[in-house]
Amino acid sequence: MAFEYMEDPAAFAIRIFVDADACPVKNEVYRVAERYRLKVFVVANSYLNVPRTDLIERVIVPEGPDVADQWIAERAGAHDIVITADIPLAARCVKNGASVLSPTGKLFDDDSIGMALASRNLMADLRSAGAVTRGPLPLSRQDVSRFLSALDLAAVKVKRKVGL
């Protein structure tokens, strides 16, 4: 199956792209998008339930490594917000000028993405050398609250940038 989406992603002034396969804050994204009337593209390589509204579009990409990341990175630009925990995807979107947030509310920008990539690469090197590392901590209430605040702030900043 090819991409499953109805709208042209370029048709909206401000868009939110969600790297959705393992995103724990999709419902929070939907609430903020509704408040600001922003289009959301929920991108995954498998079927996910999404609310039935014109503002939320499910995009199903083919199976394969980084296919969803590629779809998002090719489209996300200066007037967009990207939600992802994937550091290489975050770096690509920051380079494109997008506002990028992690599910814990961490903002990835030109100043922080280099350190995030270096930390990710260091952990990958440690794991490949046999070190046992822990995965991400479960999302806390504080993380969700921080995410909601960061997404709200990003939406306001992008709307100002666009002149809405």
C-alpha atoms as a PDB file:
ATOM      1  CA  MET A   1       0.000   0.000   0.000  1.00  0.00           C
ATOM      2  CA  ALA A   2       1.271   3.480  -0.817  1.00  0.00           C
ATOM      3  CA  PHE A   3       0.704   6.524   1.319  1.00  0.00           C
ATOM      4  CA  GLU A   4      -2.829   6.854   2.702  1.00  0.00           C
ATOM      5  CA  TYR A   5      -3.686  10.501   3.029  1.00  0.00           C
ATOM      6  CA  MET A   6      -6.285  12.739   1.486  1.00  0.00           C
ATOM      7  CA  GLU A   7      -5.045  16.292   1.871  1.00  0.00           C
ATOM      8  CA  ASP A   8      -2.053  17.930   0.247  1.00  0.00           C
ATOM      9  CA  PRO A   9       0.294  18.583   3.212  1.00  0.00           C
ATOM     10  CA  ALA A  10       1.398  21.857   1.610  1.00  0.00           C
ATOM     11  CA  ALA A  11      -2.158  23.247   1.681  1.00  0.00           C
ATOM     12  CA  PHE A  12      -1.989  24.415   5.316  1.00  0.00           C
ATOM     13  CA  ALA A  13      -0.136  27.391   6.765  1.00  0.00           C
ATOM     14  CA  ILE A  14       0.871  25.550   9.945  1.00  0.00           C
ATOM     15  CA  ARG A  15       1.065  21.794  10.308  1.00  0.00           C
ATOM     16  CA  ILE A  16       1.991  19.355  13.043  1.00  0.00           C
ATOM     17  CA  PHE A  17       3.744  16.166  11.985  1.00  0.00           C
ATOM     18  CA  VAL A  18       3.682  13.337  14.533  1.00  0.00           C
ATOM     19  CA  ASP A  19       6.186  10.484  14.298  1.00  0.00           C
ATOM     20  CA  ALA A  20       3.419   8.288  15.629  1.00  0.00           C
ATOM     21  CA  ASP A  21       4.526   4.663  15.939  1.00  0.00           C
ATOM     22  CA  ALA A  22       5.736   5.043  19.509  1.00  0.00           C
ATOM     23  CA  CYS A  23       4.451   8.516  20.376  1.00  0.00           C
ATOM     24  CA  PRO A  24       2.871   8.568  23.857  1.00  0.00           C
ATOM     25  CA  VAL A  25       1.383  12.078  23.552  1.00  0.00           C
ATOM     26  CA  LYS A  26      -0.850  11.808  20.473  1.00  0.00           C
ATOM     27  CA  ASN A  27      -4.012  12.682  22.427  1.00  0.00           C
ATOM     28  CA  GLU A  28      -2.345  15.794  23.805  1.00  0.00           C
ATOM     29  CA  VAL A  29      -1.334  16.814  20.270  1.00  0.00           C
ATOM     30  CA  TYR A  30      -4.935  16.403  19.119  1.00  0.00           C
ATOM     31  CA  ARG A  31      -6.206  18.670  21.912  1.00  0.00           C
ATOM     32  CA  VAL A  32      -3.727  21.449  21.166  1.00  0.00           C
ATOM     33  CA  ALA A  33      -4.321  21.156  17.413  1.00  0.00           C
ATOM     34  CA  GLU A  34      -8.052  21.529  17.968  1.00  0.00           C
ATOM     35  CA  ARG A  35      -7.529  24.608  20.160  1.00  0.00           C
ATOM     36  CA  TYR A  36      -5.388  26.339  17.512  1.00  0.00           C
ATOM     37  CA  ARG A  37      -7.113  24.801  14.468  1.00  0.00           C
ATOM     38  CA  LEU A  38      -3.859  23.257  13.194  1.00  0.00           C
ATOM     39  CA  LYS A  39      -3.636  20.378  10.731  1.00  0.00           C
ATOM     40  CA  VAL A  40      -2.036  17.216  12.151  1.00  0.00           C
ATOM     41  CA  PHE A  41      -0.427  14.460  10.103  1.00  0.00           C
ATOM     42  CA  VAL A  42      -0.109  11.264  12.161  1.00  0.00           C
ATOM     43  CA  VAL A  43       2.586   9.307  10.319  1.00  0.00           C
ATOM     44  CA  ALA A  44       3.119   5.585  10.947  1.00  0.00           C
ATOM     45  CA  ASN A  45       3.846   2.392   9.064  1.00  0.00           C
ATOM     46  CA  SER A  46       0.807   0.655  10.515  1.00  0.00           C
ATOM     47  CA  TYR A  47      -2.841   1.505  11.035  1.00  0.00           C
ATOM     48  CA  LEU A  48      -3.507   3.738  14.056  1.00  0.00           C
ATOM     49  CA  ASN A  49      -6.856   5.005  15.254  1.00  0.00           C
ATOM     50  CA  VAL A  50      -7.156   8.764  15.031  1.00  0.00           C
ATOM     51  CA  PRO A  51     -10.080  11.032  15.870  1.00  0.00           C
ATOM     52  CA  ARG A  52     -12.487  11.699  13.023  1.00  0.00           C
ATOM     53  CA  THR A  53     -11.976  15.341  12.231  1.00  0.00           C
ATOM     54  CA  ASP A  54     -10.807  17.279   9.221  1.00  0.00           C
ATOM     55  CA  LEU A  55      -7.840  18.523  11.242  1.00  0.00           C
ATOM     56  CA  ILE A  56      -6.281  15.090  11.786  1.00  0.00           C
ATOM     57  CA  GLU A  57      -4.962  13.046   8.908  1.00  0.00           C
ATOM     58  CA  ARG A  58      -3.594   9.517   9.198  1.00  0.00           C
ATOM     59  CA  VAL A  59      -0.621   8.812   6.914  1.00  0.00           C
ATOM     60  CA  ILE A  60       0.337   5.166   6.513  1.00  0.00           C
ATOM     61  CA  VAL A  61       3.735   4.715   4.922  1.00  0.00           C
ATOM     62  CA  PRO A  62       5.156   1.433   3.615  1.00  0.00           C
ATOM     63  CA  GLU A  63       7.098  -0.859   5.945  1.00  0.00           C
ATOM     64  CA  GLY A  64      10.807  -0.227   6.070  1.00  0.00           C
ATOM     65  CA  PRO A  65      13.462   1.484   8.109  1.00  0.00           C
ATOM     66  CA  ASP A  66      12.954   5.221   8.465  1.00  0.00           C
ATOM     67  CA  VAL A  67      10.171   5.470   5.857  1.00  0.00           C
ATOM     68  CA  ALA A  68       7.967   7.518   8.207  1.00  0.00           C
ATOM     69  CA  ASP A  69      10.961   9.684   9.110  1.00  0.00           C
ATOM     70  CA  GLN A  70      11.676  10.292   5.427  1.00  0.00           C
ATOM     71  CA  TRP A  71       8.043  11.261   4.764  1.00  0.00           C
ATOM     72  CA  ILE A  72       8.095  13.781   7.614  1.00  0.00           C
ATOM     73  CA  ALA A  73      11.560  15.200   6.844  1.00  0.00           C
ATOM     74  CA  GLU A  74      10.653  15.796   3.196  1.00  0.00           C
ATOM     75  CA  ARG A  75       7.644  17.902   4.188  1.00  0.00           C
ATOM     76  CA  ALA A  76       8.404  19.649   7.494  1.00  0.00           C
ATOM     77  CA  GLY A  77       9.538  23.239   7.112  1.00  0.00           C
ATOM     78  CA  ALA A  78       9.763  26.579   8.840  1.00  0.00           C
ATOM     79  CA  HIS A  79       6.028  26.874   9.566  1.00  0.00           C
ATOM     80  CA  ASP A  80       5.653  23.367  10.963  1.00  0.00           C
ATOM     81  CA  ILE A  81       5.918  21.575  14.281  1.00  0.00           C
ATOM     82  CA  VAL A  82       7.327  18.050  14.487  1.00  0.00           C
ATOM     83  CA  ILE A  83       6.780  15.696  17.422  1.00  0.00           C
ATOM     84  CA  THR A  84       9.382  12.943  17.635  1.00  0.00           C
ATOM     85  CA  ALA A  85      11.715  11.112  19.992  1.00  0.00           C
ATOM     86  CA  ASP A  86      13.913  10.162  17.018  1.00  0.00           C
ATOM     87  CA  ILE A  87      17.035  12.340  17.270  1.00  0.00           C
ATOM     88  CA  PRO A  88      18.224  11.946  13.641  1.00  0.00           C
ATOM     89  CA  LEU A  89      14.722  12.878  12.420  1.00  0.00           C
ATOM     90  CA  ALA A  90      14.706  15.830  14.819  1.00  0.00           C
ATOM     91  CA  ALA A  91      18.061  16.979  13.391  1.00  0.00           C
ATOM     92  CA  ARG A  92      16.768  16.828   9.819  1.00  0.00           C
ATOM     93  CA  CYS A  93      13.635  18.785  10.716  1.00  0.00           C
ATOM     94  CA  VAL A  94      15.582  21.403  12.699  1.00  0.00           C
ATOM     95  CA  LYS A  95      17.816  21.838   9.637  1.00  0.00           C
ATOM     96  CA  ASN A  96      14.632  22.460   7.596  1.00  0.00           C
ATOM     97  CA  GLY A  97      13.598  25.184  10.066  1.00  0.00           C
ATOM     98  CA  ALA A  98      10.779  23.278  11.792  1.00  0.00           C
ATOM     99  CA  SER A  99       9.987  23.565  15.498  1.00  0.00           C
ATOM    100  CA  VAL A 100      10.760  20.125  16.933  1.00  0.00           C
ATOM    101  CA  LEU A 101       9.607  18.740  20.284  1.00  0.00           C
ATOM    102  CA  SER A 102      10.193  15.452  22.034  1.00  0.00           C
ATOM    103  CA  PRO A 103       7.247  13.750  23.775  1.00  0.00           C
ATOM    104  CA  THR A 104       8.686  14.995  27.085  1.00  0.00           C
ATOM    105  CA  GLY A 105       8.514  18.611  25.931  1.00  0.00           C
ATOM    106  CA  LYS A 106      12.205  19.039  25.146  1.00  0.00           C
ATOM    107  CA  LEU A 107      12.733  21.556  22.345  1.00  0.00           C
ATOM    108  CA  PHE A 108      15.260  20.548  19.729  1.00  0.00           C
ATOM    109  CA  ASP A 109      16.783  23.582  18.044  1.00  0.00           C
ATOM    110  CA  ASP A 110      20.060  24.663  16.457  1.00  0.00           C
ATOM    111  CA  ASP A 111      21.623  25.050  19.911  1.00  0.00           C
ATOM    112  CA  SER A 112      20.579  21.682  21.373  1.00  0.00           C
ATOM    113  CA  ILE A 113      20.470  19.234  18.477  1.00  0.00           C
ATOM    114  CA  GLY A 114      24.242  18.746  18.247  1.00  0.00           C
ATOM    115  CA  MET A 115      24.477  17.614  21.871  1.00  0.00           C
ATOM    116  CA  ALA A 116      21.429  15.386  21.484  1.00  0.00           C
ATOM    117  CA  LEU A 117      22.997  13.688  18.430  1.00  0.00           C
ATOM    118  CA  ALA A 118      26.322  13.274  20.236  1.00  0.00           C
ATOM    119  CA  SER A 119      24.617  11.712  23.274  1.00  0.00           C
ATOM    120  CA  ARG A 120      22.606   9.376  21.062  1.00  0.00           C
ATOM    121  CA  ASN A 121      25.718   8.285  19.183  1.00  0.00           C
ATOM    122  CA  LEU A 122      27.660   7.748  22.409  1.00  0.00           C
ATOM    123  CA  MET A 123      24.896   5.535  23.811  1.00  0.00           C
ATOM    124  CA  ALA A 124      24.752   3.568  20.543  1.00  0.00           C
ATOM    125  CA  ASP A 125      28.531   3.050  20.703  1.00  0.00           C
ATOM    126  CA  LEU A 126      28.299   1.891  24.329  1.00  0.00           C
ATOM    127  CA  ARG A 127      25.537  -0.584  23.470  1.00  0.00           C
ATOM    128  CA  SER A 128      27.489  -1.951  20.514  1.00  0.00           C
ATOM    129  CA  ALA A 129      30.484  -2.439  22.833  1.00  0.00           C
ATOM    130  CA  GLY A 130      28.308  -4.564  25.117  1.00  0.00           C
ATOM    131  CA  ALA A 131      27.360  -2.039  27.764  1.00  0.00           C
ATOM    132  CA  VAL A 132      23.906  -2.464  29.233  1.00  0.00           C
ATOM    133  CA  THR A 133      21.988   0.792  29.052  1.00  0.00           C
ATOM    134  CA  ARG A 134      18.467   1.540  30.129  1.00  0.00           C
ATOM    135  CA  GLY A 135      15.748   2.647  27.786  1.00  0.00           C
ATOM    136  CA  PRO A 136      13.739   5.798  28.196  1.00  0.00           C
ATOM    137  CA  LEU A 137      11.906   6.304  31.455  1.00  0.00           C
ATOM    138  CA  PRO A 138       8.109   6.014  31.394  1.00  0.00           C
ATOM    139  CA  LEU A 139       6.352   9.287  30.691  1.00  0.00           C
ATOM    140  CA  SER A 140       5.450  11.082  33.926  1.00  0.00           C
ATOM    141  CA  ARG A 141       2.666  13.595  34.556  1.00  0.00           C
ATOM    142  CA  GLN A 142       5.325  16.289  34.697  1.00  0.00           C
ATOM    143  CA  ASP A 143       6.589  15.185  31.256  1.00  0.00           C
ATOM    144  CA  VAL A 144       3.084  15.426  29.800  1.00  0.00           C
ATOM    145  CA  SER A 145       2.557  18.832  31.400  1.00  0.00           C
ATOM    146  CA  ARG A 146       5.925  20.046  30.094  1.00  0.00           C
ATOM    147  CA  PHE A 147       5.036  18.708  26.641  1.00  0.00           C
ATOM    148  CA  LEU A 148       1.669  20.483  26.602  1.00  0.00           C
ATOM    149  CA  SER A 149       3.302  23.772  27.625  1.00  0.00           C
ATOM    150  CA  ALA A 150       6.046  23.400  25.011  1.00  0.00           C
ATOM    151  CA  LEU A 151       3.566  22.519  22.250  1.00  0.00           C
ATOM    152  CA  ASP A 152       1.329  25.436  23.194  1.00  0.00           C
ATOM    153  CA  LEU A 153       4.325  27.790  23.097  1.00  0.00           C
ATOM    154  CA  ALA A 154       5.515  26.365  19.759  1.00  0.00           C
ATOM    155  CA  ALA A 155       2.045  26.804  18.244  1.00  0.00           C
ATOM    156  CA  VAL A 156       1.892  30.435  19.376  1.00  0.00           C
ATOM    157  CA  LYS A 157       5.405  31.172  18.044  1.00  0.00           C
ATOM    158  CA  VAL A 158       4.739  29.583  14.670  1.00  0.00           C
ATOM    159  CA  LYS A 159       1.382  31.360  14.337  1.00  0.00           C
ATOM    160  CA  ARG A 160       3.144  34.686  15.001  1.00  0.00           C
ATOM    161  CA  LYS A 161       5.836  33.816  12.466  1.00  0.00           C
ATOM    162  CA  VAL A 162       3.211  33.052   9.844  1.00  0.00           C
ATOM    163  CA  GLY A 163       1.212  36.152  10.734  1.00  0.00           C
ATOM    164  CA  LEU A 164      -1.959  34.390  11.914  1.00  0.00           C
END
